[in-house]
Amino acid sequence: MPQTGVWHIHGAEIADLIRQGVGTAEIGRRFGVSRERIRALLVQHNLPTRAPMLNQKEAAALLGCCGAFLTGLERKGLISPIHSGLTRGPVYYPDSELAKIRAIMDKKRVGRGRRKKK
């Protein structure tokens, strides 16, 4: 009987989870393996071991808003960026959070290139 591994069964799902910003420990818990096994599989298949993330300044510039707007969204519980662990350390925004912020900005009609309400 051929052996099927975690990657063979769940490889596409694991790659999607990494792109969404889910950590290797959480992915390992979902599939019953260690975070190190997930990291090794990602390296083996030439995938990044972490989601590409922007810091607050980069995210604000990309979205056309200010850092205070992003901080306000976090305080309201609308987004959940990743903190570095330091008290005043950097905050990072994975692609999944950037998509949420774009949706909020479109709904509120704020940011660069949007018309102001009269």
N, C-alpha and C. Protein backbone atom coordinates (compact mmCIF):
# COMPACT_ATOMS: atom_id res chain seq x y z
N MET A 1 0.86 -1.17 0.00
CA MET A 1 0.00 0.00 0.00
C MET A 1 0.91 1.24 0.00
N PRO A 2 0.67 2.19 -0.92
CA PRO A 2 1.52 3.38 -0.97
C PRO A 2 1.27 4.28 0.24
N GLN A 3 2.38 4.86 0.70
CA GLN A 3 2.28 5.77 1.84
C GLN A 3 1.90 7.16 1.36
N THR A 4 0.96 7.78 2.06
CA THR A 4 0.59 9.15 1.72
C THR A 4 0.91 10.03 2.91
N GLY A 5 1.61 11.10 2.65
CA GLY A 5 2.02 12.00 3.72
C GLY A 5 1.08 13.19 3.84
N VAL A 6 1.40 14.02 4.80
CA VAL A 6 0.61 15.23 5.06
C VAL A 6 0.61 16.12 3.83
N TRP A 7 1.77 16.27 3.18
CA TRP A 7 1.84 17.17 2.03
C TRP A 7 1.02 16.64 0.87
N HIS A 8 1.08 15.34 0.64
CA HIS A 8 0.35 14.74 -0.48
C HIS A 8 -1.16 14.95 -0.31
N ILE A 9 -1.64 14.87 0.90
CA ILE A 9 -3.07 15.01 1.17
C ILE A 9 -3.49 16.47 1.32
N HIS A 10 -2.69 17.27 2.05
CA HIS A 10 -3.10 18.63 2.41
C HIS A 10 -2.17 19.72 1.89
N GLY A 11 -1.33 19.43 0.93
CA GLY A 11 -0.33 20.40 0.47
C GLY A 11 -0.90 21.73 0.03
N ALA A 12 -1.92 21.70 -0.80
CA ALA A 12 -2.51 22.96 -1.30
C ALA A 12 -3.11 23.77 -0.15
N GLU A 13 -3.75 23.08 0.78
CA GLU A 13 -4.35 23.76 1.92
C GLU A 13 -3.28 24.39 2.82
N ILE A 14 -2.17 23.69 3.02
CA ILE A 14 -1.08 24.21 3.83
C ILE A 14 -0.50 25.46 3.17
N ALA A 15 -0.28 25.42 1.86
CA ALA A 15 0.25 26.58 1.14
C ALA A 15 -0.69 27.77 1.25
N ASP A 16 -1.99 27.53 1.15
CA ASP A 16 -2.98 28.61 1.29
C ASP A 16 -2.96 29.20 2.69
N LEU A 17 -2.85 28.35 3.70
CA LEU A 17 -2.82 28.84 5.08
C LEU A 17 -1.59 29.72 5.33
N ILE A 18 -0.44 29.33 4.80
CA ILE A 18 0.77 30.14 4.96
C ILE A 18 0.57 31.49 4.30
N ARG A 19 0.00 31.52 3.09
CA ARG A 19 -0.25 32.79 2.40
C ARG A 19 -1.22 33.68 3.17
N GLN A 20 -2.12 33.08 3.93
CA GLN A 20 -3.08 33.84 4.72
C GLN A 20 -2.49 34.36 6.02
N GLY A 21 -1.29 33.93 6.35
CA GLY A 21 -0.64 34.42 7.55
C GLY A 21 -0.78 33.53 8.77
N VAL A 22 -1.27 32.31 8.58
CA VAL A 22 -1.39 31.36 9.69
C VAL A 22 0.00 30.81 9.99
N GLY A 23 0.36 30.72 11.24
CA GLY A 23 1.67 30.25 11.65
C GLY A 23 1.85 28.75 11.48
N THR A 24 3.11 28.33 11.44
CA THR A 24 3.39 26.91 11.25
C THR A 24 2.91 26.07 12.43
N ALA A 25 2.94 26.63 13.65
CA ALA A 25 2.45 25.88 14.81
C ALA A 25 0.96 25.59 14.69
N GLU A 26 0.20 26.59 14.28
CA GLU A 26 -1.25 26.41 14.11
C GLU A 26 -1.55 25.41 13.00
N ILE A 27 -0.82 25.50 11.91
CA ILE A 27 -1.02 24.56 10.79
C ILE A 27 -0.68 23.14 11.25
N GLY A 28 0.41 23.00 12.00
CA GLY A 28 0.78 21.68 12.52
C GLY A 28 -0.30 21.10 13.41
N ARG A 29 -0.90 21.95 14.27
CA ARG A 29 -1.99 21.47 15.13
C ARG A 29 -3.18 20.98 14.31
N ARG A 30 -3.49 21.70 13.26
CA ARG A 30 -4.65 21.32 12.42
C ARG A 30 -4.46 19.95 11.77
N PHE A 31 -3.20 19.64 11.42
CA PHE A 31 -2.96 18.39 10.69
C PHE A 31 -2.26 17.33 11.52
N GLY A 32 -2.08 17.58 12.81
CA GLY A 32 -1.53 16.57 13.71
C GLY A 32 -0.04 16.30 13.55
N VAL A 33 0.72 17.31 13.13
CA VAL A 33 2.17 17.18 13.03
C VAL A 33 2.82 18.38 13.71
N SER A 34 4.13 18.36 13.85
CA SER A 34 4.83 19.46 14.52
C SER A 34 5.00 20.65 13.58
N ARG A 35 5.26 21.82 14.18
CA ARG A 35 5.48 23.01 13.37
C ARG A 35 6.76 22.86 12.56
N GLU A 36 7.73 22.14 13.13
CA GLU A 36 8.98 21.92 12.42
C GLU A 36 8.77 21.05 11.18
N ARG A 37 7.85 20.09 11.27
CA ARG A 37 7.54 19.25 10.11
C ARG A 37 6.90 20.09 9.00
N ILE A 38 6.02 21.00 9.40
CA ILE A 38 5.39 21.89 8.41
C ILE A 38 6.45 22.77 7.77
N ARG A 39 7.37 23.32 8.60
CA ARG A 39 8.43 24.18 8.07
C ARG A 39 9.31 23.40 7.09
N ALA A 40 9.65 22.18 7.43
CA ALA A 40 10.48 21.34 6.55
C ALA A 40 9.76 21.06 5.23
N LEU A 41 8.46 20.81 5.28
CA LEU A 41 7.69 20.57 4.05
C LEU A 41 7.67 21.82 3.17
N LEU A 42 7.52 22.99 3.78
CA LEU A 42 7.50 24.23 3.02
C LEU A 42 8.85 24.48 2.35
N VAL A 43 9.94 24.21 3.08
CA VAL A 43 11.28 24.38 2.51
C VAL A 43 11.48 23.37 1.38
N GLN A 44 11.06 22.15 1.58
CA GLN A 44 11.21 21.09 0.59
C GLN A 44 10.50 21.44 -0.72
N HIS A 45 9.38 22.15 -0.63
CA HIS A 45 8.59 22.50 -1.81
C HIS A 45 8.80 23.95 -2.24
N ASN A 46 9.92 24.54 -1.79
CA ASN A 46 10.33 25.89 -2.18
C ASN A 46 9.26 26.94 -1.93
N LEU A 47 8.59 26.85 -0.80
CA LEU A 47 7.59 27.84 -0.41
C LEU A 47 8.10 28.62 0.78
N PRO A 48 7.66 29.87 0.93
CA PRO A 48 8.11 30.65 2.09
C PRO A 48 7.58 30.03 3.38
N THR A 49 8.37 30.12 4.44
CA THR A 49 7.95 29.55 5.72
C THR A 49 7.11 30.53 6.52
N ARG A 50 7.00 31.76 6.05
CA ARG A 50 6.16 32.76 6.67
C ARG A 50 5.41 33.51 5.60
N ALA A 51 4.26 34.03 5.95
CA ALA A 51 3.50 34.84 5.00
C ALA A 51 4.21 36.16 4.78
N PRO A 52 4.18 36.67 3.55
CA PRO A 52 4.77 37.99 3.34
C PRO A 52 3.96 39.03 4.11
N MET A 53 4.65 39.85 4.88
CA MET A 53 3.94 40.83 5.71
C MET A 53 4.58 42.20 5.55
N LEU A 54 3.78 43.22 5.72
CA LEU A 54 4.25 44.60 5.68
C LEU A 54 4.20 45.18 7.09
N ASN A 55 5.13 46.08 7.39
CA ASN A 55 5.03 46.77 8.67
C ASN A 55 3.98 47.86 8.55
N GLN A 56 3.69 48.56 9.64
CA GLN A 56 2.59 49.52 9.65
C GLN A 56 2.83 50.65 8.65
N LYS A 57 4.04 51.14 8.57
CA LYS A 57 4.33 52.24 7.65
C LYS A 57 4.14 51.81 6.20
N GLU A 58 4.62 50.62 5.86
CA GLU A 58 4.47 50.10 4.50
C GLU A 58 3.01 49.84 4.16
N ALA A 59 2.26 49.28 5.11
CA ALA A 59 0.85 49.00 4.89
C ALA A 59 0.06 50.29 4.69
N ALA A 60 0.35 51.30 5.51
CA ALA A 60 -0.35 52.59 5.39
C ALA A 60 -0.07 53.23 4.04
N ALA A 61 1.18 53.18 3.59
CA ALA A 61 1.54 53.76 2.29
C ALA A 61 0.85 53.01 1.15
N LEU A 62 0.81 51.70 1.23
CA LEU A 62 0.17 50.90 0.20
C LEU A 62 -1.34 51.17 0.12
N LEU A 63 -1.97 51.28 1.28
CA LEU A 63 -3.42 51.45 1.34
C LEU A 63 -3.86 52.90 1.19
N GLY A 64 -2.94 53.84 1.35
CA GLY A 64 -3.30 55.25 1.24
C GLY A 64 -4.01 55.78 2.47
N CYS A 65 -3.57 55.35 3.62
CA CYS A 65 -4.15 55.83 4.88
C CYS A 65 -3.00 56.13 5.83
N CYS A 66 -3.30 56.41 7.08
CA CYS A 66 -2.24 56.68 8.04
C CYS A 66 -2.18 55.55 9.08
N GLY A 67 -1.09 55.52 9.82
CA GLY A 67 -0.91 54.49 10.84
C GLY A 67 -1.95 54.57 11.94
N ALA A 68 -2.41 55.78 12.25
CA ALA A 68 -3.42 55.95 13.30
C ALA A 68 -4.74 55.28 12.89
N PHE A 69 -5.07 55.33 11.61
CA PHE A 69 -6.28 54.66 11.12
C PHE A 69 -6.17 53.15 11.35
N LEU A 70 -5.00 52.59 11.05
CA LEU A 70 -4.79 51.15 11.24
C LEU A 70 -4.86 50.77 12.71
N THR A 71 -4.25 51.60 13.56
CA THR A 71 -4.29 51.37 15.01
C THR A 71 -5.73 51.42 15.52
N GLY A 72 -6.50 52.37 15.01
CA GLY A 72 -7.91 52.48 15.40
C GLY A 72 -8.72 51.26 15.02
N LEU A 73 -8.47 50.71 13.83
CA LEU A 73 -9.18 49.50 13.41
C LEU A 73 -8.85 48.33 14.33
N GLU A 74 -7.58 48.26 14.75
CA GLU A 74 -7.18 47.19 15.66
C GLU A 74 -7.85 47.35 17.02
N ARG A 75 -7.87 48.57 17.53
CA ARG A 75 -8.50 48.80 18.84
C ARG A 75 -9.98 48.49 18.83
N LYS A 76 -10.63 48.68 17.70
CA LYS A 76 -12.06 48.36 17.58
C LYS A 76 -12.29 46.87 17.38
N GLY A 77 -11.22 46.12 17.16
CA GLY A 77 -11.34 44.68 16.98
C GLY A 77 -11.69 44.27 15.56
N LEU A 78 -11.55 45.18 14.59
CA LEU A 78 -11.90 44.87 13.21
C LEU A 78 -10.79 44.13 12.48
N ILE A 79 -9.55 44.32 12.92
CA ILE A 79 -8.42 43.62 12.33
C ILE A 79 -7.53 43.09 13.46
N SER A 80 -6.68 42.14 13.13
CA SER A 80 -5.77 41.61 14.15
C SER A 80 -4.38 41.40 13.53
N PRO A 81 -3.58 42.48 13.48
CA PRO A 81 -2.22 42.34 12.96
C PRO A 81 -1.34 41.55 13.91
N ILE A 82 -0.15 41.24 13.47
CA ILE A 82 0.78 40.44 14.27
C ILE A 82 1.76 41.39 14.95
N HIS A 83 1.85 41.30 16.26
CA HIS A 83 2.76 42.13 17.04
C HIS A 83 4.08 41.41 17.25
N SER A 84 5.15 42.17 17.29
CA SER A 84 6.48 41.57 17.44
C SER A 84 6.73 41.03 18.84
N GLY A 85 5.89 41.41 19.80
CA GLY A 85 6.06 40.95 21.17
C GLY A 85 6.66 42.01 22.07
N LEU A 86 7.26 43.02 21.49
CA LEU A 86 7.81 44.11 22.27
C LEU A 86 6.71 45.12 22.56
N THR A 87 6.84 45.86 23.67
CA THR A 87 5.79 46.80 24.06
C THR A 87 5.51 47.83 22.97
N ARG A 88 6.53 48.46 22.47
CA ARG A 88 6.36 49.44 21.40
C ARG A 88 7.05 48.94 20.13
N GLY A 89 7.05 47.65 19.94
CA GLY A 89 7.72 47.06 18.78
C GLY A 89 6.88 47.16 17.53
N PRO A 90 7.45 46.72 16.43
CA PRO A 90 6.75 46.80 15.16
C PRO A 90 5.51 45.90 15.09
N VAL A 91 4.58 46.31 14.25
CA VAL A 91 3.34 45.57 14.01
C VAL A 91 3.36 45.19 12.54
N TYR A 92 2.98 43.95 12.23
CA TYR A 92 3.02 43.46 10.86
C TYR A 92 1.62 43.07 10.38
N TYR A 93 1.38 43.29 9.08
CA TYR A 93 0.09 43.02 8.47
C TYR A 93 0.24 42.00 7.35
N PRO A 94 -0.27 40.77 7.54
CA PRO A 94 -0.25 39.79 6.46
C PRO A 94 -1.29 40.15 5.40
N ASP A 95 -1.23 39.47 4.27
CA ASP A 95 -2.15 39.74 3.16
C ASP A 95 -3.61 39.63 3.57
N SER A 96 -3.92 38.69 4.45
CA SER A 96 -5.32 38.51 4.86
C SER A 96 -5.84 39.75 5.58
N GLU A 97 -4.99 40.38 6.41
CA GLU A 97 -5.41 41.60 7.12
C GLU A 97 -5.50 42.78 6.17
N LEU A 98 -4.60 42.84 5.19
CA LEU A 98 -4.66 43.92 4.20
C LEU A 98 -5.97 43.86 3.42
N ALA A 99 -6.41 42.65 3.10
CA ALA A 99 -7.69 42.50 2.38
C ALA A 99 -8.85 43.00 3.24
N LYS A 100 -8.82 42.69 4.55
CA LYS A 100 -9.88 43.18 5.45
C LYS A 100 -9.88 44.70 5.51
N ILE A 101 -8.68 45.29 5.59
CA ILE A 101 -8.57 46.74 5.67
C ILE A 101 -9.09 47.39 4.39
N ARG A 102 -8.75 46.82 3.23
CA ARG A 102 -9.25 47.36 1.96
C ARG A 102 -10.78 47.33 1.93
N ALA A 103 -11.37 46.24 2.39
CA ALA A 103 -12.82 46.12 2.40
C ALA A 103 -13.44 47.18 3.33
N ILE A 104 -12.84 47.41 4.48
CA ILE A 104 -13.34 48.42 5.42
C ILE A 104 -13.22 49.81 4.79
N MET A 105 -12.09 50.07 4.14
CA MET A 105 -11.88 51.38 3.52
C MET A 105 -12.86 51.62 2.38
N ASP A 106 -13.14 50.58 1.61
CA ASP A 106 -14.11 50.73 0.53
C ASP A 106 -15.50 51.02 1.08
N LYS A 107 -15.85 50.33 2.16
CA LYS A 107 -17.16 50.53 2.77
C LYS A 107 -17.28 51.94 3.35
N LYS A 108 -16.20 52.41 3.99
CA LYS A 108 -16.23 53.74 4.61
C LYS A 108 -15.87 54.85 3.62
N ARG A 109 -15.41 54.47 2.43
CA ARG A 109 -15.00 55.42 1.39
C ARG A 109 -13.91 56.36 1.90
N VAL A 110 -12.86 55.79 2.45
CA VAL A 110 -11.72 56.56 2.92
C VAL A 110 -10.46 56.10 2.20
N GLY A 111 -9.43 56.93 2.23
CA GLY A 111 -8.15 56.56 1.65
C GLY A 111 -7.87 57.30 0.37
N ARG A 112 -6.70 57.06 -0.19
CA ARG A 112 -6.24 57.72 -1.39
C ARG A 112 -7.13 57.41 -2.59
N GLY A 113 -7.48 58.43 -3.35
CA GLY A 113 -8.23 58.25 -4.59
C GLY A 113 -9.73 58.09 -4.40
N ARG A 114 -10.22 58.25 -3.21
CA ARG A 114 -11.66 58.12 -2.98
C ARG A 114 -12.24 59.51 -2.80
N ARG A 115 -13.44 59.70 -3.27
CA ARG A 115 -14.09 61.01 -3.17
C ARG A 115 -14.59 61.25 -1.76
N LYS A 116 -14.45 62.49 -1.31
CA LYS A 116 -14.92 62.85 0.01
C LYS A 116 -16.42 63.07 -0.02
N LYS A 117 -17.08 62.77 1.08
CA LYS A 117 -18.51 63.02 1.19
C LYS A 117 -18.74 64.50 1.34
N LYS A 118 -19.82 65.00 0.75
CA LYS A 118 -20.14 66.43 0.86
C LYS A 118 -21.19 66.67 1.90
